[in-house]
Amino acid sequence: MLRVGDLQRSIDFYTRVLGMKLLRTTERPEQKYSLAFVGYGTNPDHAEIELTYNHGVNSYEMGTAFGHLALGVPGGTTVIAFVTDPDGYKIELIERKNEQA
């Protein structure tokens, strides 16, 4: 789960930039939060990222516990690369070797 300052901005990043799908959303107005789940597919075959927007909170400090997320991606010109999402979370892109059947 990642806490985000602007839910739509984060959905746009994960779907448009990283090519994930918006899997589902949940609104909890009484508890003052909204959720969006993104991923390349659904559990249990694929991991999902839960994006949590706490109403009225536009930013968070990264703290010292979070390192980064890692995603396997088709090969490119480098073995690994990092991108940063709109809230400052680091995402490591790791070259995934072609799997043979």
PDB file of N, CA and C in Angstrom:
ATOM      1  N   MET A   1       0.842  -1.170   0.000  1.00  0.00           N
ATOM      2  CA  MET A   1       0.000   0.000   0.000  1.00  0.00           C
ATOM      3  C   MET A   1       0.888   1.234   0.000  1.00  0.00           C
ATOM      4  N   LEU A   2       0.549   2.176  -0.863  1.00  0.00           N
ATOM      5  CA  LEU A   2       1.240   3.456  -0.910  1.00  0.00           C
ATOM      6  C   LEU A   2       0.231   4.566  -0.623  1.00  0.00           C
ATOM      7  N   ARG A   3       0.579   5.476   0.276  1.00  0.00           N
ATOM      8  CA  ARG A   3      -0.269   6.634   0.534  1.00  0.00           C
ATOM      9  C   ARG A   3       0.067   7.698  -0.497  1.00  0.00           C
ATOM     10  N   VAL A   4      -0.950   8.236  -1.152  1.00  0.00           N
ATOM     11  CA  VAL A   4      -0.731   9.191  -2.236  1.00  0.00           C
ATOM     12  C   VAL A   4      -1.469  10.493  -1.956  1.00  0.00           C
ATOM     13  N   GLY A   5      -0.949  11.593  -2.513  1.00  0.00           N
ATOM     14  CA  GLY A   5      -1.522  12.911  -2.285  1.00  0.00           C
ATOM     15  C   GLY A   5      -2.605  13.300  -3.271  1.00  0.00           C
ATOM     16  N   ASP A   6      -2.676  12.633  -4.407  1.00  0.00           N
ATOM     17  CA  ASP A   6      -3.683  12.915  -5.432  1.00  0.00           C
ATOM     18  C   ASP A   6      -3.966  11.589  -6.131  1.00  0.00           C
ATOM     19  N   LEU A   7      -5.119  11.000  -5.835  1.00  0.00           N
ATOM     20  CA  LEU A   7      -5.406   9.650  -6.311  1.00  0.00           C
ATOM     21  C   LEU A   7      -5.435   9.576  -7.833  1.00  0.00           C
ATOM     22  N   GLN A   8      -6.088  10.512  -8.498  1.00  0.00           N
ATOM     23  CA  GLN A   8      -6.177  10.444  -9.957  1.00  0.00           C
ATOM     24  C   GLN A   8      -4.804  10.614 -10.604  1.00  0.00           C
ATOM     25  N   ARG A   9      -3.992  11.506 -10.069  1.00  0.00           N
ATOM     26  CA  ARG A   9      -2.638  11.690 -10.586  1.00  0.00           C
ATOM     27  C   ARG A   9      -1.848  10.381 -10.491  1.00  0.00           C
ATOM     28  N   SER A  10      -1.985   9.687  -9.376  1.00  0.00           N
ATOM     29  CA  SER A  10      -1.267   8.421  -9.193  1.00  0.00           C
ATOM     30  C   SER A  10      -1.819   7.331 -10.104  1.00  0.00           C
ATOM     31  N   ILE A  11      -3.141   7.257 -10.238  1.00  0.00           N
ATOM     32  CA  ILE A  11      -3.739   6.286 -11.168  1.00  0.00           C
ATOM     33  C   ILE A  11      -3.210   6.536 -12.574  1.00  0.00           C
ATOM     34  N   ASP A  12      -3.182   7.804 -12.990  1.00  0.00           N
ATOM     35  CA  ASP A  12      -2.677   8.144 -14.317  1.00  0.00           C
ATOM     36  C   ASP A  12      -1.229   7.699 -14.489  1.00  0.00           C
ATOM     37  N   PHE A  13      -0.380   7.914 -13.495  1.00  0.00           N
ATOM     38  CA  PHE A  13       1.018   7.506 -13.582  1.00  0.00           C
ATOM     39  C   PHE A  13       1.140   5.994 -13.751  1.00  0.00           C
ATOM     40  N   TYR A  14       0.494   5.232 -12.884  1.00  0.00           N
ATOM     41  CA  TYR A  14       0.651   3.785 -12.911  1.00  0.00           C
ATOM     42  C   TYR A  14       0.006   3.152 -14.146  1.00  0.00           C
ATOM     43  N   THR A  15      -1.072   3.751 -14.656  1.00  0.00           N
ATOM     44  CA  THR A  15      -1.720   3.173 -15.838  1.00  0.00           C
ATOM     45  C   THR A  15      -1.116   3.696 -17.136  1.00  0.00           C
ATOM     46  N   ARG A  16      -0.880   4.990 -17.232  1.00  0.00           N
ATOM     47  CA  ARG A  16      -0.392   5.561 -18.492  1.00  0.00           C
ATOM     48  C   ARG A  16       1.119   5.439 -18.660  1.00  0.00           C
ATOM     49  N   VAL A  17       1.875   5.642 -17.588  1.00  0.00           N
ATOM     50  CA  VAL A  17       3.340   5.587 -17.696  1.00  0.00           C
ATOM     51  C   VAL A  17       3.845   4.155 -17.562  1.00  0.00           C
ATOM     52  N   LEU A  18       3.353   3.416 -16.575  1.00  0.00           N
ATOM     53  CA  LEU A  18       3.847   2.052 -16.347  1.00  0.00           C
ATOM     54  C   LEU A  18       2.992   0.973 -17.008  1.00  0.00           C
ATOM     55  N   GLY A  19       1.864   1.359 -17.617  1.00  0.00           N
ATOM     56  CA  GLY A  19       1.060   0.406 -18.367  1.00  0.00           C
ATOM     57  C   GLY A  19       0.228  -0.557 -17.540  1.00  0.00           C
ATOM     58  N   MET A  20       0.022  -0.255 -16.266  1.00  0.00           N
ATOM     59  CA  MET A  20      -0.824  -1.106 -15.425  1.00  0.00           C
ATOM     60  C   MET A  20      -2.286  -0.832 -15.742  1.00  0.00           C
ATOM     61  N   LYS A  21      -3.147  -1.660 -15.187  1.00  0.00           N
ATOM     62  CA  LYS A  21      -4.585  -1.489 -15.336  1.00  0.00           C
ATOM     63  C   LYS A  21      -5.160  -1.036 -13.997  1.00  0.00           C
ATOM     64  N   LEU A  22      -6.174  -0.190 -14.050  1.00  0.00           N
ATOM     65  CA  LEU A  22      -6.934   0.126 -12.847  1.00  0.00           C
ATOM     66  C   LEU A  22      -7.855  -1.052 -12.606  1.00  0.00           C
ATOM     67  N   LEU A  23      -7.636  -1.780 -11.525  1.00  0.00           N
ATOM     68  CA  LEU A  23      -8.365  -3.018 -11.264  1.00  0.00           C
ATOM     69  C   LEU A  23      -9.679  -2.788 -10.535  1.00  0.00           C
ATOM     70  N   ARG A  24      -9.660  -1.879  -9.573  1.00  0.00           N
ATOM     71  CA  ARG A  24     -10.891  -1.565  -8.833  1.00  0.00           C
ATOM     72  C   ARG A  24     -10.634  -0.365  -7.939  1.00  0.00           C
ATOM     73  N   THR A  25     -11.700   0.269  -7.524  1.00  0.00           N
ATOM     74  CA  THR A  25     -11.627   1.388  -6.584  1.00  0.00           C
ATOM     75  C   THR A  25     -12.619   1.162  -5.457  1.00  0.00           C
ATOM     76  N   THR A  26     -12.343   1.784  -4.334  1.00  0.00           N
ATOM     77  CA  THR A  26     -13.223   1.726  -3.171  1.00  0.00           C
ATOM     78  C   THR A  26     -13.288   3.116  -2.567  1.00  0.00           C
ATOM     79  N   GLU A  27     -14.474   3.596  -2.310  1.00  0.00           N
ATOM     80  CA  GLU A  27     -14.669   4.891  -1.657  1.00  0.00           C
ATOM     81  C   GLU A  27     -15.175   4.657  -0.237  1.00  0.00           C
ATOM     82  N   ARG A  28     -14.552   5.287   0.729  1.00  0.00           N
ATOM     83  CA  ARG A  28     -14.954   5.199   2.134  1.00  0.00           C
ATOM     84  C   ARG A  28     -15.098   6.620   2.682  1.00  0.00           C
ATOM     85  N   PRO A  29     -16.147   7.359   2.251  1.00  0.00           N
ATOM     86  CA  PRO A  29     -16.279   8.759   2.680  1.00  0.00           C
ATOM     87  C   PRO A  29     -16.437   8.923   4.191  1.00  0.00           C
ATOM     88  N   GLU A  30     -17.086   7.988   4.847  1.00  0.00           N
ATOM     89  CA  GLU A  30     -17.260   8.097   6.301  1.00  0.00           C
ATOM     90  C   GLU A  30     -15.931   7.952   7.034  1.00  0.00           C
ATOM     91  N   GLN A  31     -15.032   7.133   6.477  1.00  0.00           N
ATOM     92  CA  GLN A  31     -13.709   6.952   7.072  1.00  0.00           C
ATOM     93  C   GLN A  31     -12.692   7.927   6.466  1.00  0.00           C
ATOM     94  N   LYS A  32     -13.101   8.691   5.475  1.00  0.00           N
ATOM     95  CA  LYS A  32     -12.300   9.741   4.845  1.00  0.00           C
ATOM     96  C   LYS A  32     -11.071   9.208   4.108  1.00  0.00           C
ATOM     97  N   TYR A  33     -11.280   8.131   3.339  1.00  0.00           N
ATOM     98  CA  TYR A  33     -10.216   7.665   2.458  1.00  0.00           C
ATOM     99  C   TYR A  33     -10.809   7.018   1.215  1.00  0.00           C
ATOM    100  N   SER A  34      -9.986   6.961   0.170  1.00  0.00           N
ATOM    101  CA  SER A  34     -10.344   6.312  -1.091  1.00  0.00           C
ATOM    102  C   SER A  34      -9.196   5.394  -1.489  1.00  0.00           C
ATOM    103  N   LEU A  35      -9.531   4.270  -2.131  1.00  0.00           N
ATOM    104  CA  LEU A  35      -8.523   3.299  -2.553  1.00  0.00           C
ATOM    105  C   LEU A  35      -8.617   3.063  -4.055  1.00  0.00           C
ATOM    106  N   ALA A  36      -7.497   2.794  -4.651  1.00  0.00           N
ATOM    107  CA  ALA A  36      -7.444   2.320  -6.033  1.00  0.00           C
ATOM    108  C   ALA A  36      -6.417   1.199  -6.074  1.00  0.00           C
ATOM    109  N   PHE A  37      -6.748   0.133  -6.774  1.00  0.00           N
ATOM    110  CA  PHE A  37      -5.837  -0.996  -6.921  1.00  0.00           C
ATOM    111  C   PHE A  37      -5.403  -1.057  -8.375  1.00  0.00           C
ATOM    112  N   VAL A  38      -4.098  -1.087  -8.611  1.00  0.00           N
ATOM    113  CA  VAL A  38      -3.537  -1.141  -9.958  1.00  0.00           C
ATOM    114  C   VAL A  38      -2.605  -2.334 -10.075  1.00  0.00           C
ATOM    115  N   GLY A  39      -2.432  -2.823 -11.288  1.00  0.00           N
ATOM    116  CA  GLY A  39      -1.520  -3.927 -11.523  1.00  0.00           C
ATOM    117  C   GLY A  39      -1.603  -4.386 -12.961  1.00  0.00           C
ATOM    118  N   TYR A  40      -0.796  -5.365 -13.297  1.00  0.00           N
ATOM    119  CA  TYR A  40      -0.784  -5.923 -14.644  1.00  0.00           C
ATOM    120  C   TYR A  40      -1.778  -7.064 -14.783  1.00  0.00           C
ATOM    121  N   GLY A  41      -2.368  -7.460 -13.691  1.00  0.00           N
ATOM    122  CA  GLY A  41      -3.374  -8.511 -13.628  1.00  0.00           C
ATOM    123  C   GLY A  41      -3.824  -8.598 -12.181  1.00  0.00           C
ATOM    124  N   THR A  42      -4.693  -9.531 -11.879  1.00  0.00           N
ATOM    125  CA  THR A  42      -5.249  -9.617 -10.532  1.00  0.00           C
ATOM    126  C   THR A  42      -4.609 -10.751  -9.731  1.00  0.00           C
ATOM    127  N   ASN A  43      -4.747 -10.651  -8.404  1.00  0.00           N
ATOM    128  CA  ASN A  43      -4.305 -11.711  -7.506  1.00  0.00           C
ATOM    129  C   ASN A  43      -5.096 -12.972  -7.800  1.00  0.00           C
ATOM    130  N   PRO A  44      -4.583 -14.157  -7.631  1.00  0.00           N
ATOM    131  CA  PRO A  44      -3.270 -14.467  -7.074  1.00  0.00           C
ATOM    132  C   PRO A  44      -2.161 -14.567  -8.129  1.00  0.00           C
ATOM    133  N   ASP A  45      -2.496 -14.427  -9.408  1.00  0.00           N
ATOM    134  CA  ASP A  45      -1.477 -14.594 -10.451  1.00  0.00           C
ATOM    135  C   ASP A  45      -0.543 -13.398 -10.587  1.00  0.00           C
ATOM    136  N   HIS A  46      -0.992 -12.217 -10.185  1.00  0.00           N
ATOM    137  CA  HIS A  46      -0.200 -10.996 -10.316  1.00  0.00           C
ATOM    138  C   HIS A  46      -0.304 -10.196  -9.022  1.00  0.00           C
ATOM    139  N   ALA A  47       0.745  -9.469  -8.725  1.00  0.00           N
ATOM    140  CA  ALA A  47       0.728  -8.577  -7.565  1.00  0.00           C
ATOM    141  C   ALA A  47      -0.093  -7.339  -7.898  1.00  0.00           C
ATOM    142  N   GLU A  48      -0.662  -6.736  -6.887  1.00  0.00           N
ATOM    143  CA  GLU A  48      -1.410  -5.497  -7.041  1.00  0.00           C
ATOM    144  C   GLU A  48      -0.806  -4.452  -6.117  1.00  0.00           C
ATOM    145  N   ILE A  49      -0.918  -3.188  -6.519  1.00  0.00           N
ATOM    146  CA  ILE A  49      -0.510  -2.087  -5.660  1.00  0.00           C
ATOM    147  C   ILE A  49      -1.762  -1.361  -5.204  1.00  0.00           C
ATOM    148  N   GLU A  50      -1.898  -1.197  -3.910  1.00  0.00           N
ATOM    149  CA  GLU A  50      -3.017  -0.447  -3.336  1.00  0.00           C
ATOM    150  C   GLU A  50      -2.576   0.997  -3.151  1.00  0.00           C
ATOM    151  N   LEU A  51      -3.263   1.917  -3.808  1.00  0.00           N
ATOM    152  CA  LEU A  51      -3.013   3.348  -3.652  1.00  0.00           C
ATOM    153  C   LEU A  51      -4.072   3.893  -2.712  1.00  0.00           C
ATOM    154  N   THR A  52      -3.640   4.511  -1.617  1.00  0.00           N
ATOM    155  CA  THR A  52      -4.565   5.027  -0.603  1.00  0.00           C
ATOM    156  C   THR A  52      -4.488   6.535  -0.559  1.00  0.00           C
ATOM    157  N   TYR A  53      -5.628   7.176  -0.740  1.00  0.00           N
ATOM    158  CA  TYR A  53      -5.717   8.633  -0.590  1.00  0.00           C
ATOM    159  C   TYR A  53      -6.517   8.925   0.669  1.00  0.00           C
ATOM    160  N   ASN A  54      -5.878   9.537   1.661  1.00  0.00           N
ATOM    161  CA  ASN A  54      -6.555   9.989   2.870  1.00  0.00           C
ATOM    162  C   ASN A  54      -7.050  11.405   2.594  1.00  0.00           C
ATOM    163  N   HIS A  55      -8.363  11.582   2.603  1.00  0.00           N
ATOM    164  CA  HIS A  55      -8.967  12.851   2.220  1.00  0.00           C
ATOM    165  C   HIS A  55      -8.336  14.023   2.959  1.00  0.00           C
ATOM    166  N   GLY A  56      -7.923  15.025   2.176  1.00  0.00           N
ATOM    167  CA  GLY A  56      -7.345  16.230   2.746  1.00  0.00           C
ATOM    168  C   GLY A  56      -5.851  16.194   2.976  1.00  0.00           C
ATOM    169  N   VAL A  57      -5.203  15.050   2.731  1.00  0.00           N
ATOM    170  CA  VAL A  57      -3.758  14.946   2.915  1.00  0.00           C
ATOM    171  C   VAL A  57      -3.115  14.930   1.532  1.00  0.00           C
ATOM    172  N   ASN A  58      -2.375  15.988   1.211  1.00  0.00           N
ATOM    173  CA  ASN A  58      -1.821  16.137  -0.134  1.00  0.00           C
ATOM    174  C   ASN A  58      -0.399  15.634  -0.311  1.00  0.00           C
ATOM    175  N   SER A  59       0.319  15.358   0.784  1.00  0.00           N
ATOM    176  CA  SER A  59       1.682  14.849   0.647  1.00  0.00           C
ATOM    177  C   SER A  59       2.113  14.150   1.932  1.00  0.00           C
ATOM    178  N   TYR A  60       3.133  13.320   1.794  1.00  0.00           N
ATOM    179  CA  TYR A  60       3.684  12.562   2.910  1.00  0.00           C
ATOM    180  C   TYR A  60       5.194  12.647   2.863  1.00  0.00           C
ATOM    181  N   GLU A  61       5.843  12.505   4.005  1.00  0.00           N
ATOM    182  CA  GLU A  61       7.283  12.350   4.035  1.00  0.00           C
ATOM    183  C   GLU A  61       7.588  10.881   3.793  1.00  0.00           C
ATOM    184  N   MET A  62       8.651  10.611   3.051  1.00  0.00           N
ATOM    185  CA  MET A  62       8.981   9.232   2.700  1.00  0.00           C
ATOM    186  C   MET A  62       9.382   8.404   3.912  1.00  0.00           C
ATOM    187  N   GLY A  63       9.963   9.011   4.919  1.00  0.00           N
ATOM    188  CA  GLY A  63      10.385   8.248   6.082  1.00  0.00           C
ATOM    189  C   GLY A  63      11.649   7.455   5.797  1.00  0.00           C
ATOM    190  N   THR A  64      12.030   6.604   6.728  1.00  0.00           N
ATOM    191  CA  THR A  64      13.265   5.840   6.573  1.00  0.00           C
ATOM    192  C   THR A  64      13.023   4.358   6.323  1.00  0.00           C
ATOM    193  N   ALA A  65      11.786   3.893   6.374  1.00  0.00           N
ATOM    194  CA  ALA A  65      11.516   2.469   6.212  1.00  0.00           C
ATOM    195  C   ALA A  65      11.335   2.070   4.749  1.00  0.00           C
ATOM    196  N   PHE A  66      10.803   2.971   3.915  1.00  0.00           N
ATOM    197  CA  PHE A  66      10.520   2.625   2.528  1.00  0.00           C
ATOM    198  C   PHE A  66      11.777   2.706   1.697  1.00  0.00           C
ATOM    199  N   GLY A  67      12.013   1.691   0.869  1.00  0.00           N
ATOM    200  CA  GLY A  67      13.136   1.700  -0.061  1.00  0.00           C
ATOM    201  C   GLY A  67      12.632   1.981  -1.458  1.00  0.00           C
ATOM    202  N   HIS A  68      12.043   0.945  -2.095  1.00  0.00           N
ATOM    203  CA  HIS A  68      11.473   1.108  -3.421  1.00  0.00           C
ATOM    204  C   HIS A  68      10.666  -0.130  -3.783  1.00  0.00           C
ATOM    205  N   LEU A  69       9.839  -0.021  -4.819  1.00  0.00           N
ATOM    206  CA  LEU A  69       9.157  -1.152  -5.427  1.00  0.00           C
ATOM    207  C   LEU A  69      10.030  -1.651  -6.562  1.00  0.00           C
ATOM    208  N   ALA A  70       9.883  -2.895  -6.950  1.00  0.00           N
ATOM    209  CA  ALA A  70      10.623  -3.427  -8.094  1.00  0.00           C
ATOM    210  C   ALA A  70       9.653  -4.134  -9.024  1.00  0.00           C
ATOM    211  N   LEU A  71       9.802  -3.878 -10.340  1.00  0.00           N
ATOM    212  CA  LEU A  71       8.962  -4.497 -11.359  1.00  0.00           C
ATOM    213  C   LEU A  71       9.839  -5.154 -12.404  1.00  0.00           C
ATOM    214  N   GLY A  72       9.480  -6.365 -12.819  1.00  0.00           N
ATOM    215  CA  GLY A  72      10.158  -6.997 -13.942  1.00  0.00           C
ATOM    216  C   GLY A  72       9.580  -6.462 -15.234  1.00  0.00           C
ATOM    217  N   VAL A  73      10.435  -6.055 -16.156  1.00  0.00           N
ATOM    218  CA  VAL A  73       9.996  -5.489 -17.431  1.00  0.00           C
ATOM    219  C   VAL A  73      10.768  -6.152 -18.566  1.00  0.00           C
ATOM    220  N   PRO A  74      10.228  -6.095 -19.808  1.00  0.00           N
ATOM    221  CA  PRO A  74      10.982  -6.641 -20.937  1.00  0.00           C
ATOM    222  C   PRO A  74      12.332  -5.947 -21.048  1.00  0.00           C
ATOM    223  N   GLY A  75      13.315  -6.657 -21.581  1.00  0.00           N
ATOM    224  CA  GLY A  75      14.673  -6.136 -21.682  1.00  0.00           C
ATOM    225  C   GLY A  75      14.785  -4.852 -22.463  1.00  0.00           C
ATOM    226  N   GLY A  76      15.804  -4.105 -22.161  1.00  0.00           N
ATOM    227  CA  GLY A  76      16.088  -2.852 -22.853  1.00  0.00           C
ATOM    228  C   GLY A  76      17.586  -2.713 -23.025  1.00  0.00           C
ATOM    229  N   THR A  77      18.079  -1.495 -22.936  1.00  0.00           N
ATOM    230  CA  THR A  77      19.507  -1.275 -23.115  1.00  0.00           C
ATOM    231  C   THR A  77      20.279  -1.350 -21.806  1.00  0.00           C
ATOM    232  N   THR A  78      19.580  -1.360 -20.651  1.00  0.00           N
ATOM    233  CA  THR A  78      20.244  -1.498 -19.366  1.00  0.00           C
ATOM    234  C   THR A  78      19.579  -2.619 -18.582  1.00  0.00           C
ATOM    235  N   VAL A  79      20.254  -3.087 -17.566  1.00  0.00           N
ATOM    236  CA  VAL A  79      19.720  -4.182 -16.759  1.00  0.00           C
ATOM    237  C   VAL A  79      18.703  -3.673 -15.751  1.00  0.00           C
ATOM    238  N   ILE A  80      18.955  -2.506 -15.137  1.00  0.00           N
ATOM    239  CA  ILE A  80      17.996  -1.917 -14.212  1.00  0.00           C
ATOM    240  C   ILE A  80      17.910  -0.414 -14.461  1.00  0.00           C
ATOM    241  N   ALA A  81      16.791   0.150 -14.046  1.00  0.00           N
ATOM    242  CA  ALA A  81      16.595   1.599 -14.104  1.00  0.00           C
ATOM    243  C   ALA A  81      15.606   1.959 -13.006  1.00  0.00           C
ATOM    244  N   PHE A  82      15.580   3.220 -12.621  1.00  0.00           N
ATOM    245  CA  PHE A  82      14.637   3.688 -11.615  1.00  0.00           C
ATOM    246  C   PHE A  82      13.774   4.794 -12.198  1.00  0.00           C
ATOM    247  N   VAL A  83      12.491   4.797 -11.821  1.00  0.00           N
ATOM    248  CA  VAL A  83      11.591   5.916 -12.097  1.00  0.00           C
ATOM    249  C   VAL A  83      11.004   6.341 -10.761  1.00  0.00           C
ATOM    250  N   THR A  84      10.506   7.555 -10.702  1.00  0.00           N
ATOM    251  CA  THR A  84       9.891   8.081  -9.486  1.00  0.00           C
ATOM    252  C   THR A  84       8.447   8.430  -9.786  1.00  0.00           C
ATOM    253  N   ASP A  85       7.527   7.967  -8.934  1.00  0.00           N
ATOM    254  CA  ASP A  85       6.116   8.282  -9.152  1.00  0.00           C
ATOM    255  C   ASP A  85       5.827   9.702  -8.664  1.00  0.00           C
ATOM    256  N   PRO A  86       4.612  10.221  -8.904  1.00  0.00           N
ATOM    257  CA  PRO A  86       4.311  11.610  -8.544  1.00  0.00           C
ATOM    258  C   PRO A  86       4.445  11.927  -7.057  1.00  0.00           C
ATOM    259  N   ASP A  87       4.390  10.924  -6.197  1.00  0.00           N
ATOM    260  CA  ASP A  87       4.514  11.156  -4.760  1.00  0.00           C
ATOM    261  C   ASP A  87       5.934  10.937  -4.253  1.00  0.00           C
ATOM    262  N   GLY A  88       6.856  10.648  -5.151  1.00  0.00           N
ATOM    263  CA  GLY A  88       8.248  10.480  -4.756  1.00  0.00           C
ATOM    264  C   GLY A  88       8.674   9.048  -4.478  1.00  0.00           C
ATOM    265  N   TYR A  89       7.786   8.072  -4.667  1.00  0.00           N
ATOM    266  CA  TYR A  89       8.155   6.678  -4.461  1.00  0.00           C
ATOM    267  C   TYR A  89       9.057   6.212  -5.601  1.00  0.00           C
ATOM    268  N   LYS A  90      10.125   5.504  -5.272  1.00  0.00           N
ATOM    269  CA  LYS A  90      11.053   4.974  -6.259  1.00  0.00           C
ATOM    270  C   LYS A  90      10.557   3.612  -6.731  1.00  0.00           C
ATOM    271  N   ILE A  91      10.645   3.395  -8.049  1.00  0.00           N
ATOM    272  CA  ILE A  91      10.250   2.121  -8.638  1.00  0.00           C
ATOM    273  C   ILE A  91      11.422   1.628  -9.470  1.00  0.00           C
ATOM    274  N   GLU A  92      11.938   0.464  -9.128  1.00  0.00           N
ATOM    275  CA  GLU A  92      13.050  -0.130  -9.855  1.00  0.00           C
ATOM    276  C   GLU A  92      12.500  -0.978 -10.985  1.00  0.00           C
ATOM    277  N   LEU A  93      12.990  -0.781 -12.179  1.00  0.00           N
ATOM    278  CA  LEU A  93      12.622  -1.591 -13.333  1.00  0.00           C
ATOM    279  C   LEU A  93      13.772  -2.555 -13.586  1.00  0.00           C
ATOM    280  N   ILE A  94      13.494  -3.844 -13.494  1.00  0.00           N
ATOM    281  CA  ILE A  94      14.521  -4.876 -13.626  1.00  0.00           C
ATOM    282  C   ILE A  94      14.284  -5.640 -14.916  1.00  0.00           C
ATOM    283  N   GLU A  95      15.347  -5.795 -15.717  1.00  0.00           N
ATOM    284  CA  GLU A  95      15.209  -6.525 -16.973  1.00  0.00           C
ATOM    285  C   GLU A  95      14.779  -7.952 -16.695  1.00  0.00           C
ATOM    286  N   ARG A  96      13.713  -8.354 -17.352  1.00  0.00           N
ATOM    287  CA  ARG A  96      13.204  -9.727 -17.218  1.00  0.00           C
ATOM    288  C   ARG A  96      13.627 -10.482 -18.469  1.00  0.00           C
ATOM    289  N   LYS A  97      14.380 -11.532 -18.292  1.00  0.00           N
ATOM    290  CA  LYS A  97      14.841 -12.335 -19.425  1.00  0.00           C
ATOM    291  C   LYS A  97      13.642 -13.025 -20.053  1.00  0.00           C
ATOM    292  N   ASN A  98      13.694 -13.202 -21.371  1.00  0.00           N
ATOM    293  CA  ASN A  98      12.614 -13.898 -22.060  1.00  0.00           C
ATOM    294  C   ASN A  98      12.514 -15.314 -21.514  1.00  0.00           C
ATOM    295  N   GLU A  99      11.267 -15.699 -21.196  1.00  0.00           N
ATOM    296  CA  GLU A  99      11.043 -17.048 -20.682  1.00  0.00           C
ATOM    297  C   GLU A  99      10.778 -17.963 -21.864  1.00  0.00           C
ATOM    298  N   GLN A 100      11.377 -19.157 -21.822  1.00  0.00           N
ATOM    299  CA  GLN A 100      11.141 -20.116 -22.898  1.00  0.00           C
ATOM    300  C   GLN A 100      10.112 -21.116 -22.440  1.00  0.00           C
ATOM    301  N   ALA A 101       9.252 -21.515 -23.370  1.00  0.00           N
ATOM    302  CA  ALA A 101       8.168 -22.454 -23.052  1.00  0.00           C
ATOM    303  C   ALA A 101       8.699 -23.857 -22.883  1.00  0.00           C
TER     304      ALA A 101
END
